[in-house]
Protein backbone atom coordinates (compact mmCIF):
# COMPACT_ATOMS: atom_id res chain seq x y z
CA GLY A 1 91.23 102.33 99.39
CA LYS A 2 92.31 104.56 102.24
CA VAL A 3 93.81 103.35 105.53
CA ILE A 4 94.51 105.53 108.57
CA ILE A 5 97.28 104.23 110.86
CA GLN A 6 98.08 105.66 114.29
CA PHE A 7 101.35 104.83 115.99
CA ALA A 8 103.94 106.11 118.41
CA ILE A 9 107.73 106.29 118.21
CA ASP A 10 109.53 106.17 121.56
CA ARG A 11 112.78 107.95 122.42
CA SER A 12 114.91 105.05 121.18
CA GLY A 13 113.07 104.93 117.82
CA ASN A 14 110.96 101.85 118.52
CA VAL A 15 107.26 101.62 117.70
CA PRO A 16 105.60 100.35 120.90
CA LYS A 17 102.04 100.62 119.56
CA LEU A 18 100.45 100.67 116.11
CA VAL A 19 96.72 100.58 115.37
CA ILE A 20 94.58 100.75 112.28
CA ALA A 21 92.37 103.70 113.20
CA ILE A 22 90.24 103.51 110.05
CA PRO A 23 90.49 100.37 107.93
CA SER A 24 90.13 100.47 104.17
CA GLY A 25 87.69 97.58 104.02
CA ALA A 26 90.26 95.58 102.05
CA GLU A 27 92.50 93.49 104.30
CA PRO A 28 95.46 93.38 101.85
CA LEU A 29 95.58 97.19 101.79
CA ASP A 30 95.43 97.37 105.59
CA ARG A 31 98.24 94.81 105.89
CA ALA A 32 100.37 96.74 103.37
CA ALA A 33 100.01 99.96 105.37
CA VAL A 34 100.97 98.20 108.62
CA ALA A 35 103.91 96.51 106.86
CA GLY A 36 105.17 99.87 105.60
CA ILE A 37 105.52 101.15 109.15
CA SER A 38 106.70 97.84 110.60
CA ALA A 39 109.46 97.60 107.98
CA SER A 40 110.75 101.00 109.13
CA ASN A 41 110.90 99.90 112.78
CA PRO A 42 113.10 100.95 114.46
CA PHE A 43 113.15 104.55 113.35
CA PRO A 44 116.10 106.79 114.25
CA PRO A 45 116.07 107.85 117.92
CA LEU A 46 114.20 111.04 118.73
CA PRO A 47 116.49 114.08 118.95
CA ASN A 48 117.67 115.23 122.38
CA GLU A 49 115.83 118.52 121.84
CA PHE A 50 112.52 116.63 121.83
CA LYS A 51 111.37 116.66 125.44
CA GLY A 52 108.58 114.06 125.34
CA ASP A 53 108.82 110.31 125.94
CA GLN A 54 107.31 109.57 122.54
CA ILE A 55 105.86 111.18 119.46
CA ARG A 56 102.42 110.10 118.24
CA LEU A 57 101.70 110.09 114.53
CA GLN A 58 98.77 109.44 112.24
CA LEU A 59 99.41 108.54 108.61
CA SER A 60 96.95 108.17 105.78
CA PHE A 61 97.72 105.62 103.05
CA THR A 62 95.74 106.06 99.84
CA TYR A 63 95.86 103.33 97.23
CA ASN A 64 94.77 103.89 93.64
CA GLY A 65 93.49 107.32 94.58
CA GLN A 66 92.32 109.77 91.97
CA ARG A 67 94.71 112.57 91.12
């Protein structure tokens, strides 16, 4: 199963929004991907050199993928 998660990290390191962009079709895998990001919340604050209000990320979680 493959899950694509999109989320943002704000300047203070919080995740104000997280969405499953492409679900795996298996709810336990989708929940595990969301939990992986949620467990990391809050992230470290964004560095002062970063000029935006937030950074937007997209992560792909692959479970039992072929090597």
